[in-house]
Every structure is written in structure tokens, then in C-alpha cells.
Amino acid sequence: MNRPGGKAGGESAGFGSNTINRGGAQAPRRLVVPGLDSGKSRMRKNCVKMLAACLAAVVLPALAERALFAGGCFWCMEQAFEEVEGVVSVVSGFTGGALENPTYDGNHEGHLEAVAVEFDPQRVSYEALLRVYWRNIDPFDDRGQFCDKGPSYRSAIFVATAQQRRLAEASRQVVVERFPDLEVVTPVRDAGPFYPVKEYHQDYYRKNPLRYLFYKTTCGRPARLEEIWGESAVH
């Protein structure tokens, strides 16, 4: 903060002096340059922000948990989960198959398009993510999702712990009971290796908003979700 020189009580000082006369004793005087202190203050604040960001980068991953969901096109699943408060990151990729290092343009036989959702359990629960998941898929389609058909577009929940399995199966049972006349084909499976796809596919809906919106709409995703879930549909 800029503190200009001046008189206070028995103190006297001149602008060009580096000392203050306090009853005859010469004490070091702080030379004040207008604007310099405010600059230092901004620097300190920026350093604090940078330190906080570094700590978050180290601490958050340690505290975060991961959920794996397959729900057809991973572009659409990314958007659904990235909008959830408490989600740290969402990555598109493949999982569920035995083939190592599957690729989007090459061989991904046996794998499903999926998203790895890193989340802060203090801010959002795994159960809440399950509710988001179900309302973003067609759980009755055993050929894929919406206009995307084929084995890699099928839906599945991949669980890494006994707790996740218990919660996932309970949520699945809720869907089964809600639609007693339909067969829920979305399985709960053990999680295995997850292989992120190339950067081109990450955050596709952000980088190519018009193309993404055209694809999602013409694929029939929003219409089908509303048909299944009504006003609770998330799309």
C-alpha cells in the first residue's frame, strides 16, 4: 500500500531523506515510491493464487475418485458429466476389451466408447453421477445408442470397488422397477484398463459446438431421452 511521507506527532521527515527524527534518534526511514507498493501487493496476491493452484493440482487428484461409464458416443457423455458440480475432469476413451491400446480410427474390437469421470466425493456423490448417467442413455437398446449402432456403442457401468458395484446395481434396479414392461440391457461390469483417445476427441462439444449440436440432434439423442425420461432427461 502506498504510504506517502509526512508528519505524525513529534516525527518529521523530508521526502528526500532516508531517516526519521524521533526525539533526536535517527531511525531508518522506508522510502516510498508511488505505485511500487501496490505492484508488490498484486505480485503477492498472484503468488498466493499460483500456490493455491499448485496445491489443488496435487491434492485434488489424491482426493478425487473415478467412475467409468459407457453410454454411446463419448462426446455426448463428456458434456453430460462436465456440467456436474464437483466433477474434476472427464476424459473420453475406450474400455471393456482385452485389446491393448485401442484406437478410434483403427482397431478397438471388444471395447466400448466410455468416459472416465474424476470427481470430488465431498462435492458430488457416486450415486448422483449414476442418476446423471441413466438419464443420458437409452437403457433398453442392446444394439448401441440412438443412431450409433454397433458393439462399441453399447452402454455399461464399470465399477472399481465393491461399494461402486453395490450402488450401481441398486441404481439399475430402480430403473428396472420404473420400467417393468421393458428389459434393461445396460450391465454392471468390473472395471479394467481405460485407454484415452486422441486429443481431437477430448472436449469435442466445446471445440466444435455447431458440428456437435448438429450431430447430437440429427442422431435423435435429445428426442429419445425425453421420450424415456420425460422432464428429468439430461441432454
Protein backbone atom coordinates (compact mmCIF):
# COMPACT_ATOMS: atom_id res chain seq x y z
CA MET A 1 0.00 0.00 0.00
CA ASN A 2 1.29 3.49 -0.82
CA ARG A 3 2.07 5.33 2.38
CA PRO A 4 3.30 8.88 1.46
CA GLY A 5 5.77 10.55 3.84
CA GLY A 6 4.54 13.21 6.27
CA LYS A 7 4.47 14.41 9.88
CA ALA A 8 2.92 12.42 12.68
CA GLY A 9 3.19 13.67 16.27
CA GLY A 10 6.83 14.53 17.01
CA GLU A 11 8.12 12.92 13.81
CA SER A 12 9.46 14.98 10.94
CA ALA A 13 10.75 13.83 7.62
CA GLY A 14 11.63 15.23 4.27
CA PHE A 15 10.77 13.41 1.05
CA GLY A 16 14.40 13.10 0.07
CA SER A 17 15.56 11.82 3.46
CA ASN A 18 16.04 8.17 4.35
CA THR A 19 15.75 8.82 8.11
CA ILE A 20 13.09 9.99 10.51
CA ASN A 21 13.93 12.18 13.50
CA ARG A 22 12.32 10.65 16.62
CA GLY A 23 13.47 12.75 19.57
CA GLY A 24 16.95 13.16 18.16
CA ALA A 25 17.46 9.47 17.30
CA GLN A 26 17.99 8.66 13.67
CA ALA A 27 15.84 5.68 12.63
CA PRO A 28 15.84 4.12 9.16
CA ARG A 29 13.07 5.52 7.04
CA ARG A 30 11.18 3.46 4.47
CA LEU A 31 11.46 5.13 1.10
CA VAL A 32 8.08 5.10 -0.58
CA VAL A 33 7.78 5.20 -4.34
CA PRO A 34 4.21 5.80 -5.56
CA GLY A 35 2.77 2.73 -7.28
CA LEU A 36 5.57 0.39 -6.20
CA ASP A 37 3.85 -0.96 -3.10
CA SER A 38 0.58 -1.61 -4.94
CA GLY A 39 2.56 -3.52 -7.54
CA LYS A 40 4.16 -5.66 -4.84
CA SER A 41 0.73 -6.31 -3.35
CA ARG A 42 -0.54 -7.56 -6.70
CA MET A 43 2.53 -9.77 -7.02
CA ARG A 44 1.89 -11.27 -3.58
CA LYS A 45 -1.74 -11.97 -4.49
CA ASN A 46 -0.70 -13.59 -7.75
CA CYS A 47 1.84 -15.76 -5.92
CA VAL A 48 -0.86 -16.86 -3.48
CA LYS A 49 -3.16 -17.77 -6.36
CA MET A 50 -0.41 -19.71 -8.10
CA LEU A 51 0.42 -21.56 -4.88
CA ALA A 52 -3.25 -22.43 -4.37
CA ALA A 53 -3.49 -23.73 -7.93
CA CYS A 54 -0.38 -25.87 -7.46
CA LEU A 55 -1.74 -27.30 -4.21
CA ALA A 56 -5.07 -28.05 -5.90
CA ALA A 57 -3.26 -29.84 -8.72
CA VAL A 58 -1.51 -32.04 -6.18
CA VAL A 59 -4.23 -32.52 -3.59
CA LEU A 60 -7.36 -32.83 -5.75
CA PRO A 61 -6.21 -35.88 -7.73
CA ALA A 62 -5.33 -37.56 -4.46
CA LEU A 63 -8.80 -36.90 -3.06
CA ALA A 64 -10.75 -37.49 -6.28
CA GLU A 65 -12.43 -40.76 -7.14
CA ARG A 66 -13.04 -42.18 -10.60
CA ALA A 67 -16.17 -43.51 -12.26
CA LEU A 68 -16.29 -45.25 -15.65
CA PHE A 69 -19.39 -45.03 -17.82
CA ALA A 70 -20.15 -46.21 -21.34
CA GLY A 71 -23.16 -44.55 -22.92
CA GLY A 72 -22.64 -44.49 -26.64
CA CYS A 73 -20.83 -41.54 -28.19
CA PHE A 74 -18.27 -40.30 -25.68
CA TRP A 75 -18.60 -36.74 -27.00
CA CYS A 76 -22.11 -36.58 -25.57
CA MET A 77 -21.22 -38.28 -22.29
CA GLU A 78 -18.39 -35.80 -21.78
CA GLN A 79 -20.78 -32.89 -21.99
CA ALA A 80 -23.27 -34.51 -19.62
CA PHE A 81 -20.75 -35.04 -16.82
CA GLU A 82 -18.60 -31.93 -17.25
CA GLU A 83 -21.63 -29.82 -16.39
CA VAL A 84 -21.98 -31.52 -12.98
CA GLU A 85 -20.77 -29.57 -9.95
CA GLY A 86 -17.99 -31.47 -8.22
CA VAL A 87 -16.68 -33.21 -11.33
CA VAL A 88 -12.94 -32.55 -11.67
CA SER A 89 -12.39 -33.88 -15.19
CA VAL A 90 -13.94 -36.06 -17.88
CA VAL A 91 -11.81 -37.97 -20.39
CA SER A 92 -13.03 -39.84 -23.48
CA GLY A 93 -11.60 -43.24 -24.27
CA PHE A 94 -12.14 -46.97 -24.60
CA THR A 95 -12.55 -49.70 -22.01
CA GLY A 96 -14.05 -53.14 -21.54
CA GLY A 97 -12.00 -55.12 -24.06
CA ALA A 98 -8.87 -57.27 -23.99
CA LEU A 99 -7.10 -55.46 -26.83
CA GLU A 100 -4.30 -53.19 -25.64
CA ASN A 101 -4.06 -49.61 -26.88
CA PRO A 102 -7.26 -49.48 -28.95
CA THR A 103 -7.67 -46.55 -31.34
CA TYR A 104 -10.72 -44.75 -32.65
CA ASP A 105 -9.69 -44.87 -36.30
CA GLY A 106 -8.11 -48.30 -36.02
CA ASN A 107 -8.79 -51.46 -34.08
CA HIS A 108 -10.90 -51.16 -30.92
CA GLU A 109 -12.58 -54.55 -31.12
CA GLY A 110 -14.16 -55.62 -27.85
CA HIS A 111 -14.03 -52.13 -26.34
CA LEU A 112 -16.80 -49.65 -25.60
CA GLU A 113 -16.65 -45.90 -26.02
CA ALA A 114 -16.57 -44.62 -22.47
CA VAL A 115 -15.71 -41.69 -20.22
CA ALA A 116 -13.53 -41.63 -17.13
CA VAL A 117 -15.09 -39.20 -14.66
CA GLU A 118 -12.83 -37.85 -11.92
CA PHE A 119 -14.95 -36.37 -9.14
CA ASP A 120 -14.64 -34.88 -5.67
CA PRO A 121 -16.78 -37.08 -3.36
CA GLN A 122 -17.07 -34.17 -0.93
CA ARG A 123 -18.99 -32.21 -3.56
CA VAL A 124 -20.81 -34.84 -5.59
CA SER A 125 -21.61 -38.44 -4.76
CA TYR A 126 -21.22 -41.51 -6.91
CA GLU A 127 -24.98 -42.03 -6.58
CA ALA A 128 -25.58 -38.58 -8.10
CA LEU A 129 -23.34 -39.46 -11.03
CA LEU A 130 -25.30 -42.65 -11.55
CA ARG A 131 -28.51 -40.65 -11.80
CA VAL A 132 -26.90 -38.39 -14.41
CA TYR A 133 -25.72 -41.45 -16.30
CA TRP A 134 -29.08 -43.21 -16.54
CA ARG A 135 -30.82 -40.06 -17.76
CA ASN A 136 -28.31 -39.72 -20.57
CA ILE A 137 -28.72 -43.19 -22.07
CA ASP A 138 -31.32 -45.49 -23.58
CA PRO A 139 -31.04 -48.50 -21.22
CA PHE A 140 -33.22 -50.67 -23.48
CA ASP A 141 -31.08 -50.59 -26.62
CA ASP A 142 -28.84 -53.65 -26.96
CA ARG A 143 -27.51 -52.60 -30.39
CA GLY A 144 -25.88 -49.31 -29.38
CA GLN A 145 -27.18 -45.85 -28.51
CA PHE A 146 -29.50 -43.70 -30.58
CA CYS A 147 -28.28 -43.50 -34.20
CA ASP A 148 -24.91 -45.09 -33.33
CA LYS A 149 -25.17 -48.85 -33.65
CA GLY A 150 -22.51 -51.45 -33.07
CA PRO A 151 -20.76 -53.21 -30.18
CA SER A 152 -18.60 -50.22 -29.23
CA TYR A 153 -21.66 -48.03 -28.70
CA ARG A 154 -23.38 -50.26 -26.16
CA SER A 155 -23.96 -48.97 -22.64
CA ALA A 156 -22.37 -50.26 -19.43
CA ILE A 157 -21.33 -49.17 -15.96
CA PHE A 158 -17.80 -50.20 -15.00
CA VAL A 159 -17.17 -50.49 -11.26
CA ALA A 160 -13.81 -50.49 -9.47
CA THR A 161 -14.87 -51.28 -5.91
CA ALA A 162 -17.46 -53.33 -4.04
CA GLN A 163 -19.09 -50.08 -2.93
CA GLN A 164 -19.44 -48.86 -6.51
CA ARG A 165 -20.90 -52.22 -7.54
CA ARG A 166 -23.47 -52.11 -4.74
CA LEU A 167 -24.55 -48.59 -5.65
CA ALA A 168 -24.55 -49.25 -9.41
CA GLU A 169 -26.65 -52.39 -9.09
CA ALA A 170 -29.07 -50.60 -6.76
CA SER A 171 -29.48 -47.78 -9.26
CA ARG A 172 -30.02 -50.29 -12.05
CA GLN A 173 -32.75 -51.95 -10.01
CA VAL A 174 -34.50 -48.60 -9.65
CA VAL A 175 -34.61 -48.32 -13.44
CA VAL A 176 -35.84 -51.91 -13.78
CA GLU A 177 -38.70 -51.20 -11.37
CA ARG A 178 -39.60 -47.95 -13.09
CA PHE A 179 -39.99 -49.70 -16.46
CA PRO A 180 -41.41 -53.15 -15.59
CA ASP A 181 -42.55 -53.83 -19.16
CA LEU A 182 -39.13 -53.19 -20.71
CA GLU A 183 -35.82 -55.03 -20.47
CA VAL A 184 -32.90 -53.05 -19.09
CA VAL A 185 -29.87 -54.28 -21.03
CA THR A 186 -27.23 -52.00 -19.50
CA PRO A 187 -24.90 -54.22 -17.44
CA VAL A 188 -22.73 -53.52 -14.40
CA ARG A 189 -19.23 -54.78 -15.18
CA ASP A 190 -15.86 -54.90 -13.46
CA ALA A 191 -13.59 -52.03 -14.45
CA GLY A 192 -10.41 -52.73 -16.37
CA PRO A 193 -7.80 -50.60 -18.15
CA PHE A 194 -9.04 -47.34 -19.62
CA TYR A 195 -7.40 -46.02 -22.79
CA PRO A 196 -7.87 -42.29 -23.53
CA VAL A 197 -8.38 -41.39 -27.18
CA LYS A 198 -6.53 -38.68 -29.08
CA GLU A 199 -6.86 -35.02 -28.14
CA TYR A 200 -9.11 -34.39 -31.16
CA HIS A 201 -11.96 -36.19 -29.41
CA GLN A 202 -11.45 -34.62 -25.98
CA ASP A 203 -13.96 -31.82 -25.27
CA TYR A 204 -15.25 -32.12 -28.82
CA TYR A 205 -18.51 -30.39 -27.91
CA ARG A 206 -16.55 -27.33 -26.77
CA LYS A 207 -14.14 -27.17 -29.70
CA ASN A 208 -16.75 -27.87 -32.39
CA PRO A 209 -20.07 -26.66 -30.94
CA LEU A 210 -22.03 -26.35 -34.20
CA ARG A 211 -20.91 -29.71 -35.60
CA TYR A 212 -21.57 -31.33 -32.25
CA LEU A 213 -25.06 -29.86 -31.92
CA PHE A 214 -25.92 -30.95 -35.46
CA TYR A 215 -24.68 -34.48 -34.79
CA LYS A 216 -26.47 -34.83 -31.44
CA THR A 217 -29.76 -33.51 -32.78
CA THR A 218 -29.83 -35.48 -36.02
CA CYS A 219 -28.78 -38.60 -34.12
CA GLY A 220 -32.05 -38.32 -32.19
CA ARG A 221 -30.46 -38.25 -28.76
CA PRO A 222 -32.45 -35.39 -27.14
CA ALA A 223 -35.78 -36.63 -28.51
CA ARG A 224 -35.26 -40.22 -27.36
CA LEU A 225 -34.09 -39.15 -23.90
CA GLU A 226 -37.19 -37.04 -23.42
CA GLU A 227 -39.32 -39.94 -24.62
CA ILE A 228 -37.81 -42.22 -21.96
CA TRP A 229 -37.17 -39.91 -19.02
CA GLY A 230 -39.58 -37.03 -19.58
CA GLU A 231 -38.70 -33.78 -17.83
CA SER A 232 -35.89 -35.45 -15.88
CA ALA A 233 -33.95 -36.16 -19.07
CA VAL A 234 -30.47 -34.62 -19.15
CA HIS A 235 -29.20 -33.70 -22.61
